[in-house]
Amino acid sequence: MALPRPVKRQVAIAIAYKNLFESPDGRLVLTDLMHKAGLLHAVHEEIPGQNDYNNGRRSLVLDIMKQLRFNEAALLELANARLDEIAEEE
């Protein structure tokens, strides 16, 4: 039994996300997106509308992570890598 076209498309997209973001470059890009989206730190902006804007950015990165089926261990691994980067910057 053949899969319906929309299901085939979703499977192809899921595979593409995995191939892209599980590569070393993809991990680096995902970590950068997480940083830019403020996923690894709390941000409280005083500029009107800034929190809504930041929440939109976070939402997009969380959608990518959901597509990758991220779990707590994977998130902690990326967070620890970011903490190491911060320590090196200081």
C-alpha atoms as a PDB file:
ATOM      1  CA  MET A   1       0.000   0.000   0.000  1.00  0.00           C
ATOM      2  CA  ALA A   2       1.459   3.320  -1.076  1.00  0.00           C
ATOM      3  CA  LEU A   3       1.562   6.263   1.283  1.00  0.00           C
ATOM      4  CA  PRO A   4      -0.559   9.302   0.427  1.00  0.00           C
ATOM      5  CA  ARG A   5       1.382  12.170  -1.159  1.00  0.00           C
ATOM      6  CA  PRO A   6       1.113  14.498   1.916  1.00  0.00           C
ATOM      7  CA  VAL A   7       2.497  11.736   4.158  1.00  0.00           C
ATOM      8  CA  LYS A   8       5.370  11.071   1.744  1.00  0.00           C
ATOM      9  CA  ARG A   9       6.155  14.792   1.758  1.00  0.00           C
ATOM     10  CA  GLN A  10       6.205  14.925   5.581  1.00  0.00           C
ATOM     11  CA  VAL A  11       8.505  11.904   5.713  1.00  0.00           C
ATOM     12  CA  ALA A  12      10.834  13.489   3.151  1.00  0.00           C
ATOM     13  CA  ILE A  13      10.886  16.740   5.134  1.00  0.00           C
ATOM     14  CA  ALA A  14      11.621  14.898   8.399  1.00  0.00           C
ATOM     15  CA  ILE A  15      14.525  13.066   6.739  1.00  0.00           C
ATOM     16  CA  ALA A  16      15.871  16.329   5.300  1.00  0.00           C
ATOM     17  CA  TYR A  17      15.775  18.000   8.732  1.00  0.00           C
ATOM     18  CA  LYS A  18      17.617  15.056  10.282  1.00  0.00           C
ATOM     19  CA  ASN A  19      20.257  14.980   7.532  1.00  0.00           C
ATOM     20  CA  LEU A  20      20.816  18.716   7.754  1.00  0.00           C
ATOM     21  CA  PHE A  21      20.853  19.287  11.499  1.00  0.00           C
ATOM     22  CA  GLU A  22      22.614  16.074  12.553  1.00  0.00           C
ATOM     23  CA  SER A  23      25.719  17.013  10.565  1.00  0.00           C
ATOM     24  CA  PRO A  24      28.495  18.899  12.376  1.00  0.00           C
ATOM     25  CA  ASP A  25      27.671  22.078  10.444  1.00  0.00           C
ATOM     26  CA  GLY A  26      23.980  21.601  11.141  1.00  0.00           C
ATOM     27  CA  ARG A  27      24.636  21.261  14.878  1.00  0.00           C
ATOM     28  CA  LEU A  28      26.651  24.465  14.790  1.00  0.00           C
ATOM     29  CA  VAL A  29      23.862  26.298  12.959  1.00  0.00           C
ATOM     30  CA  LEU A  30      21.202  24.935  15.324  1.00  0.00           C
ATOM     31  CA  THR A  31      23.217  26.033  18.347  1.00  0.00           C
ATOM     32  CA  ASP A  32      23.599  29.487  16.798  1.00  0.00           C
ATOM     33  CA  LEU A  33      19.854  29.678  16.108  1.00  0.00           C
ATOM     34  CA  MET A  34      19.135  28.652  19.695  1.00  0.00           C
ATOM     35  CA  HIS A  35      21.442  31.403  20.924  1.00  0.00           C
ATOM     36  CA  LYS A  36      19.918  34.047  18.650  1.00  0.00           C
ATOM     37  CA  ALA A  37      16.415  32.961  19.640  1.00  0.00           C
ATOM     38  CA  GLY A  38      17.274  33.263  23.328  1.00  0.00           C
ATOM     39  CA  LEU A  39      16.492  29.637  24.122  1.00  0.00           C
ATOM     40  CA  LEU A  40      19.437  29.272  26.451  1.00  0.00           C
ATOM     41  CA  HIS A  41      18.831  32.401  28.501  1.00  0.00           C
ATOM     42  CA  ALA A  42      15.948  34.469  29.779  1.00  0.00           C
ATOM     43  CA  VAL A  43      15.435  37.812  28.099  1.00  0.00           C
ATOM     44  CA  HIS A  44      13.326  40.607  29.528  1.00  0.00           C
ATOM     45  CA  GLU A  45      13.202  43.514  27.130  1.00  0.00           C
ATOM     46  CA  GLU A  46      11.841  46.943  27.939  1.00  0.00           C
ATOM     47  CA  ILE A  47      11.138  47.781  24.284  1.00  0.00           C
ATOM     48  CA  PRO A  48       7.402  47.490  23.478  1.00  0.00           C
ATOM     49  CA  GLY A  49       6.744  44.417  21.344  1.00  0.00           C
ATOM     50  CA  GLN A  50      10.254  43.008  21.795  1.00  0.00           C
ATOM     51  CA  ASN A  51       9.095  40.039  23.878  1.00  0.00           C
ATOM     52  CA  ASP A  52       6.554  39.111  21.195  1.00  0.00           C
ATOM     53  CA  TYR A  53       9.270  39.322  18.549  1.00  0.00           C
ATOM     54  CA  ASN A  54      11.615  37.159  20.644  1.00  0.00           C
ATOM     55  CA  ASN A  55       8.845  34.627  21.280  1.00  0.00           C
ATOM     56  CA  GLY A  56       8.346  34.313  17.522  1.00  0.00           C
ATOM     57  CA  ARG A  57      12.043  33.607  17.043  1.00  0.00           C
ATOM     58  CA  ARG A  58      11.980  31.028  19.847  1.00  0.00           C
ATOM     59  CA  SER A  59       8.904  29.410  18.329  1.00  0.00           C
ATOM     60  CA  LEU A  60      10.649  28.848  15.005  1.00  0.00           C
ATOM     61  CA  VAL A  61      13.698  27.216  16.623  1.00  0.00           C
ATOM     62  CA  LEU A  62      11.442  25.092  18.829  1.00  0.00           C
ATOM     63  CA  ASP A  63       9.628  23.921  15.684  1.00  0.00           C
ATOM     64  CA  ILE A  64      12.969  22.805  14.232  1.00  0.00           C
ATOM     65  CA  MET A  65      13.811  20.995  17.466  1.00  0.00           C
ATOM     66  CA  LYS A  66      10.387  19.342  17.489  1.00  0.00           C
ATOM     67  CA  GLN A  67      10.920  18.171  13.907  1.00  0.00           C
ATOM     68  CA  LEU A  68      14.226  16.650  15.029  1.00  0.00           C
ATOM     69  CA  ARG A  69      12.466  14.981  17.968  1.00  0.00           C
ATOM     70  CA  PHE A  70      14.865  16.603  20.439  1.00  0.00           C
ATOM     71  CA  ASN A  71      14.866  15.233  23.940  1.00  0.00           C
ATOM     72  CA  GLU A  72      16.230  16.660  27.177  1.00  0.00           C
ATOM     73  CA  ALA A  73      19.611  14.978  26.756  1.00  0.00           C
ATOM     74  CA  ALA A  74      20.147  16.529  23.311  1.00  0.00           C
ATOM     75  CA  LEU A  75      19.111  19.948  24.584  1.00  0.00           C
ATOM     76  CA  LEU A  76      21.475  19.682  27.567  1.00  0.00           C
ATOM     77  CA  GLU A  77      24.302  18.680  25.235  1.00  0.00           C
ATOM     78  CA  LEU A  78      23.774  21.820  23.140  1.00  0.00           C
ATOM     79  CA  ALA A  79      23.379  23.998  26.235  1.00  0.00           C
ATOM     80  CA  ASN A  80      26.647  22.658  27.665  1.00  0.00           C
ATOM     81  CA  ALA A  81      28.394  23.303  24.358  1.00  0.00           C
ATOM     82  CA  ARG A  82      27.119  26.894  24.460  1.00  0.00           C
ATOM     83  CA  LEU A  83      28.326  27.309  28.056  1.00  0.00           C
ATOM     84  CA  ASP A  84      31.767  26.100  26.957  1.00  0.00           C
ATOM     85  CA  GLU A  85      31.755  28.693  24.160  1.00  0.00           C
ATOM     86  CA  ILE A  86      30.821  31.454  26.608  1.00  0.00           C
ATOM     87  CA  ALA A  87      33.636  30.411  28.952  1.00  0.00           C
ATOM     88  CA  GLU A  88      36.124  30.535  26.052  1.00  0.00           C
ATOM     89  CA  GLU A  89      34.912  34.039  25.090  1.00  0.00           C
ATOM     90  CA  GLU A  90      35.618  35.424  28.566  1.00  0.00           C
END
